Amino acid sequence: MDQPASRHPADDPAEQPDFVTALARGLAVIRTFGAQTKRLSLAEVARQVNLPRATVRRSLITLETLGYVESDGKTFMLTPKVLSLGHSYLASLPVTRAVRPYLEKMSALLNEGSSAGILDRDDAVFLARVPVRRIARDTMPAGSRIPAFCTSMGRVLLAAQPDATIDEYLARISPHAYTPRTITDPAKIRAAILEARRVSYSIVEEELDAGVMAISIPIKDAHDRTVAALGITSHVERTTGEQMIERFLPLMRDAVKEIRAQLA
């Protein structure tokens, strides 16, 4: 009779001899903060990471000393320095290097903010940004995250995933209404994602920010795999969805075609 396979230390990274528990705990503390939980108390962080308060306190004080966290004496929040942790990785990606000149060109021609991003679990993460001052969210630097479910970039990136992955994503998240126009019904979000897959672009109006609208399309490599998304952000007072399709979309598709050739 076969014996059950014995559990090997390699099955659990924490049991590896070179595993640094304190570092893992510090990263867990950083991941606790998000768009909807910008400030947390010591007790709240400890509860979310399921660690003793004394352990979490040491992590937070260390992060504060290094400049990654700041505190008002009662609560803690991340500082912009956290973005530097991922900036080197994002800047090293071939698509980041390829896309930047095209973002600058499109922003100059359209006088609108442009960006490129990738999917990281439940969020779209900006690889590069060319902002215009009149759009508040265009001040977000590379490395910033936006929710995938209610953004054109997120929906385009989700559209490239298998149906099963999309369903798992929708079952996992708790959609939050950022504006009165935010779609939070999972069935409607799924339909919007599948529509983005069908037409190879997504337009979202005022779902993340009031007055702000955006259009995004996939960036594909030589193997027809979506590796990122290209987006243009505007305002409802300056443009409509129809105008985005007529003016923005052809320019974006030309850019993506040239980016794809560079990636090949």
Protein backbone atom coordinates (compact mmCIF):
# COMPACT_ATOMS: atom_id res chain seq x y z
CA MET A 1 0.00 0.00 0.00
CA ASP A 2 1.36 3.38 -0.98
CA GLN A 3 2.33 5.65 1.87
CA PRO A 4 1.29 9.30 1.80
CA ALA A 5 4.03 11.54 0.51
CA SER A 6 5.99 13.09 3.34
CA ARG A 7 5.87 16.86 3.66
CA HIS A 8 9.10 18.45 2.53
CA PRO A 9 10.33 21.79 3.89
CA ALA A 10 10.43 23.07 0.32
CA ASP A 11 6.63 22.89 0.30
CA ASP A 12 6.54 25.82 2.75
CA PRO A 13 8.79 28.79 1.89
CA ALA A 14 8.77 29.86 5.55
CA GLU A 15 10.61 26.65 6.45
CA GLN A 16 13.52 27.37 4.10
CA PRO A 17 16.75 27.98 6.08
CA ASP A 18 17.38 31.29 4.30
CA PHE A 19 13.81 32.57 4.67
CA VAL A 20 13.74 35.96 6.47
CA THR A 21 10.56 36.01 8.53
CA ALA A 22 10.92 39.65 9.58
CA LEU A 23 11.14 40.76 5.94
CA ALA A 24 8.07 38.70 5.03
CA ARG A 25 6.15 40.28 7.89
CA GLY A 26 7.21 43.76 6.83
CA LEU A 27 6.00 43.16 3.29
CA ALA A 28 2.72 41.78 4.63
CA VAL A 29 2.27 45.00 6.62
CA ILE A 30 2.87 47.11 3.50
CA ARG A 31 0.32 45.09 1.52
CA THR A 32 -2.29 45.77 4.18
CA PHE A 33 -2.69 49.35 3.01
CA GLY A 34 -4.82 50.08 -0.04
CA ALA A 35 -6.97 52.67 -1.79
CA GLN A 36 -9.81 52.17 0.68
CA THR A 37 -7.61 51.76 3.77
CA LYS A 38 -5.05 54.54 3.44
CA ARG A 39 -4.75 54.99 7.22
CA LEU A 40 -4.77 52.13 9.71
CA SER A 41 -4.20 51.86 13.42
CA LEU A 42 -1.73 49.39 14.90
CA ALA A 43 -4.62 47.16 16.01
CA GLU A 44 -6.18 47.21 12.53
CA VAL A 45 -2.93 46.22 10.83
CA ALA A 46 -2.31 43.46 13.39
CA ARG A 47 -5.79 42.08 12.82
CA GLN A 48 -5.47 42.07 9.04
CA VAL A 49 -2.06 40.37 8.96
CA ASN A 50 -2.95 38.06 11.88
CA LEU A 51 0.18 38.85 13.84
CA PRO A 52 0.79 40.01 17.44
CA ARG A 53 0.60 43.77 17.93
CA ALA A 54 4.17 43.87 19.27
CA THR A 55 5.45 42.23 16.07
CA VAL A 56 3.47 44.59 13.84
CA ARG A 57 4.62 47.58 15.89
CA ARG A 58 8.27 46.66 15.27
CA SER A 59 7.60 46.35 11.54
CA LEU A 60 5.80 49.69 11.38
CA ILE A 61 8.48 51.51 13.36
CA THR A 62 11.16 50.04 11.09
CA LEU A 63 9.24 51.08 7.97
CA GLU A 64 8.68 54.54 9.46
CA THR A 65 12.38 54.90 10.24
CA LEU A 66 13.24 53.96 6.65
CA GLY A 67 10.71 56.45 5.29
CA TYR A 68 8.15 54.02 3.85
CA VAL A 69 5.48 54.72 6.49
CA GLU A 70 4.42 57.84 8.37
CA SER A 71 2.35 58.17 11.53
CA ASP A 72 0.27 60.84 13.24
CA GLY A 73 0.67 59.09 16.59
CA LYS A 74 -2.52 57.07 16.26
CA THR A 75 -2.61 55.76 12.70
CA PHE A 76 -0.12 54.83 10.00
CA MET A 77 -0.07 55.34 6.24
CA LEU A 78 2.33 54.58 3.41
CA THR A 79 4.52 57.30 1.93
CA PRO A 80 5.28 57.81 -1.78
CA LYS A 81 8.70 56.23 -1.16
CA VAL A 82 6.97 52.83 -1.34
CA LEU A 83 6.60 53.37 -5.09
CA SER A 84 10.38 53.16 -5.44
CA LEU A 85 10.21 49.47 -4.49
CA GLY A 86 8.54 48.61 -7.76
CA HIS A 87 9.82 51.40 -9.99
CA SER A 88 13.01 49.63 -11.03
CA TYR A 89 11.08 46.52 -12.05
CA LEU A 90 8.49 48.49 -14.03
CA ALA A 91 11.15 50.58 -15.77
CA SER A 92 13.08 47.46 -16.80
CA LEU A 93 10.17 45.87 -18.69
CA PRO A 94 10.63 45.97 -22.48
CA VAL A 95 7.09 47.25 -22.98
CA THR A 96 7.78 50.20 -20.65
CA ARG A 97 10.77 51.27 -22.72
CA ALA A 98 8.88 50.77 -25.98
CA VAL A 99 5.70 52.60 -25.02
CA ARG A 100 7.04 55.86 -23.56
CA PRO A 101 7.70 57.75 -26.85
CA TYR A 102 4.21 56.89 -28.09
CA LEU A 103 2.57 58.12 -24.90
CA GLU A 104 4.39 61.43 -25.28
CA LYS A 105 3.37 61.68 -28.94
CA MET A 106 -0.31 60.95 -28.26
CA SER A 107 -0.51 63.37 -25.34
CA ALA A 108 1.06 66.10 -27.47
CA LEU A 109 -1.35 65.51 -30.36
CA LEU A 110 -4.50 65.12 -28.27
CA ASN A 111 -3.60 67.33 -25.30
CA GLU A 112 -4.84 64.54 -23.03
CA GLY A 113 -3.16 62.32 -20.47
CA SER A 114 -1.89 58.95 -21.64
CA SER A 115 -0.69 55.85 -19.84
CA ALA A 116 0.28 52.22 -20.12
CA GLY A 117 -0.33 49.54 -17.50
CA ILE A 118 -0.28 45.88 -16.61
CA LEU A 119 -2.55 43.69 -14.50
CA ASP A 120 -1.40 42.75 -11.02
CA ARG A 121 -4.00 40.52 -9.36
CA ASP A 122 -7.00 42.83 -8.76
CA ASP A 123 -5.51 46.12 -9.97
CA ALA A 124 -4.09 47.76 -13.04
CA VAL A 125 -0.60 49.12 -12.33
CA PHE A 126 0.76 52.04 -14.33
CA LEU A 127 4.00 51.31 -16.19
CA ALA A 128 4.33 54.83 -17.53
CA ARG A 129 2.35 58.08 -17.47
CA VAL A 130 2.33 61.28 -19.49
CA PRO A 131 -0.04 63.54 -17.54
CA VAL A 132 -1.79 66.81 -18.20
CA ARG A 133 -2.36 69.06 -15.21
CA ARG A 134 -6.08 69.53 -15.73
CA ILE A 135 -6.81 65.87 -14.88
CA ALA A 136 -6.35 65.20 -11.18
CA ARG A 137 -5.74 61.46 -11.49
CA ASP A 138 -3.11 62.05 -14.16
CA THR A 139 -0.80 63.15 -11.35
CA MET A 140 -0.49 59.50 -10.31
CA PRO A 141 3.04 58.30 -11.09
CA ALA A 142 4.22 55.02 -12.58
CA GLY A 143 3.68 52.24 -10.07
CA SER A 144 0.34 53.61 -8.90
CA ARG A 145 -2.59 51.22 -8.85
CA ILE A 146 -6.21 51.58 -9.92
CA PRO A 147 -9.01 49.02 -9.47
CA ALA A 148 -9.40 46.84 -12.54
CA PHE A 149 -13.16 46.29 -12.39
CA CYS A 150 -14.20 49.92 -13.01
CA THR A 151 -11.45 51.23 -15.30
CA SER A 152 -10.98 50.92 -19.04
CA MET A 153 -7.40 49.75 -18.61
CA GLY A 154 -8.41 47.13 -16.07
CA ARG A 155 -11.22 45.78 -18.22
CA VAL A 156 -8.98 45.48 -21.28
CA LEU A 157 -6.39 43.59 -19.24
CA LEU A 158 -9.01 41.34 -17.65
CA ALA A 159 -10.48 40.65 -21.09
CA ALA A 160 -7.24 38.91 -22.01
CA GLN A 161 -7.64 36.42 -19.18
CA PRO A 162 -9.41 33.04 -19.50
CA ASP A 163 -13.10 33.02 -18.57
CA ALA A 164 -12.36 30.96 -15.46
CA THR A 165 -9.84 33.56 -14.25
CA ILE A 166 -12.37 36.36 -14.80
CA ASP A 167 -14.98 34.44 -12.82
CA GLU A 168 -12.52 33.83 -9.99
CA TYR A 169 -11.66 37.53 -9.96
CA LEU A 170 -15.32 38.58 -9.78
CA ALA A 171 -15.98 36.09 -6.98
CA ARG A 172 -13.00 37.40 -5.04
CA ILE A 173 -13.52 41.16 -5.16
CA SER A 174 -16.07 43.37 -3.39
CA PRO A 175 -16.77 46.14 -5.94
CA HIS A 176 -16.90 49.60 -4.37
CA ALA A 177 -18.92 52.48 -5.84
CA TYR A 178 -16.45 55.31 -6.37
CA THR A 179 -19.09 57.46 -8.08
CA PRO A 180 -22.84 57.11 -8.73
CA ARG A 181 -21.93 55.67 -12.15
CA THR A 182 -19.62 52.91 -10.92
CA ILE A 183 -20.83 49.49 -12.04
CA THR A 184 -20.71 47.16 -9.03
CA ASP A 185 -22.94 44.30 -10.18
CA PRO A 186 -20.64 41.33 -10.98
CA ALA A 187 -22.75 40.22 -13.95
CA LYS A 188 -22.59 43.69 -15.51
CA ILE A 189 -18.86 43.96 -14.85
CA ARG A 190 -18.35 40.60 -16.52
CA ALA A 191 -20.40 41.74 -19.51
CA ALA A 192 -18.27 44.90 -19.81
CA ILE A 193 -15.08 42.82 -19.69
CA LEU A 194 -16.33 40.45 -22.39
CA GLU A 195 -17.40 43.41 -24.53
CA ALA A 196 -13.88 44.80 -24.23
CA ARG A 197 -12.60 41.44 -25.46
CA ARG A 198 -15.01 41.49 -28.41
CA VAL A 199 -14.21 44.99 -29.68
CA SER A 200 -10.58 45.16 -28.45
CA TYR A 201 -11.09 48.39 -26.52
CA SER A 202 -12.92 49.70 -23.48
CA ILE A 203 -14.41 53.09 -22.69
CA VAL A 204 -15.34 53.93 -19.10
CA GLU A 205 -17.18 57.12 -18.17
CA GLU A 206 -17.10 58.55 -14.64
CA GLU A 207 -16.83 55.20 -12.86
CA LEU A 208 -13.63 55.95 -10.96
CA ASP A 209 -13.71 59.77 -10.92
CA ALA A 210 -16.60 62.12 -11.56
CA GLY A 211 -16.20 63.84 -14.91
CA VAL A 212 -13.30 61.64 -16.02
CA MET A 213 -13.52 59.20 -18.89
CA ALA A 214 -10.93 56.93 -20.46
CA ILE A 215 -10.37 54.62 -23.39
CA SER A 216 -7.89 51.74 -23.40
CA ILE A 217 -6.76 49.08 -25.85
CA PRO A 218 -4.54 46.00 -25.45
CA ILE A 219 -0.85 45.96 -26.31
CA LYS A 220 0.02 42.54 -27.73
CA ASP A 221 3.32 40.85 -28.39
CA ALA A 222 4.40 38.86 -31.45
CA HIS A 223 2.56 35.81 -30.09
CA ASP A 224 -0.73 37.75 -29.83
CA ARG A 225 -0.59 37.79 -26.04
CA THR A 226 -1.77 40.90 -24.22
CA VAL A 227 1.23 42.17 -22.29
CA ALA A 228 -0.10 45.59 -21.29
CA ALA A 229 -2.77 48.17 -22.06
CA LEU A 230 -2.57 51.64 -23.58
CA GLY A 231 -4.95 54.32 -22.33
CA ILE A 232 -6.03 57.93 -22.93
CA THR A 233 -7.80 59.93 -20.22
CA SER A 234 -10.10 62.88 -20.90
CA HIS A 235 -13.08 64.74 -19.41
CA VAL A 236 -16.78 64.56 -20.22
CA GLU A 237 -16.80 68.31 -20.89
CA ARG A 238 -14.24 67.92 -23.68
CA THR A 239 -15.13 64.67 -25.40
CA THR A 240 -17.66 61.86 -25.77
CA GLY A 241 -17.34 58.13 -26.23
CA GLU A 242 -18.10 58.52 -29.93
CA GLN A 243 -15.37 61.13 -30.32
CA MET A 244 -12.91 58.90 -28.50
CA ILE A 245 -13.63 56.14 -31.00
CA GLU A 246 -13.29 58.51 -33.96
CA ARG A 247 -10.25 60.56 -32.84
CA PHE A 248 -8.37 58.62 -30.20
CA LEU A 249 -8.79 54.99 -31.23
CA PRO A 250 -7.10 55.14 -34.67
CA LEU A 251 -4.08 56.93 -33.20
CA MET A 252 -3.88 54.41 -30.35
CA ARG A 253 -4.08 51.44 -32.70
CA ASP A 254 -1.32 52.84 -34.89
CA ALA A 255 0.85 53.27 -31.79
CA VAL A 256 0.15 49.74 -30.59
CA LYS A 257 1.03 48.33 -34.01
CA GLU A 258 4.45 50.01 -33.86
CA ILE A 259 4.98 49.00 -30.22
CA ARG A 260 4.21 45.38 -31.14
CA ALA A 261 6.82 45.49 -33.91
CA GLN A 262 9.40 46.73 -31.40
CA LEU A 263 8.51 43.99 -28.90
CA ALA A 264 8.99 41.38 -31.61
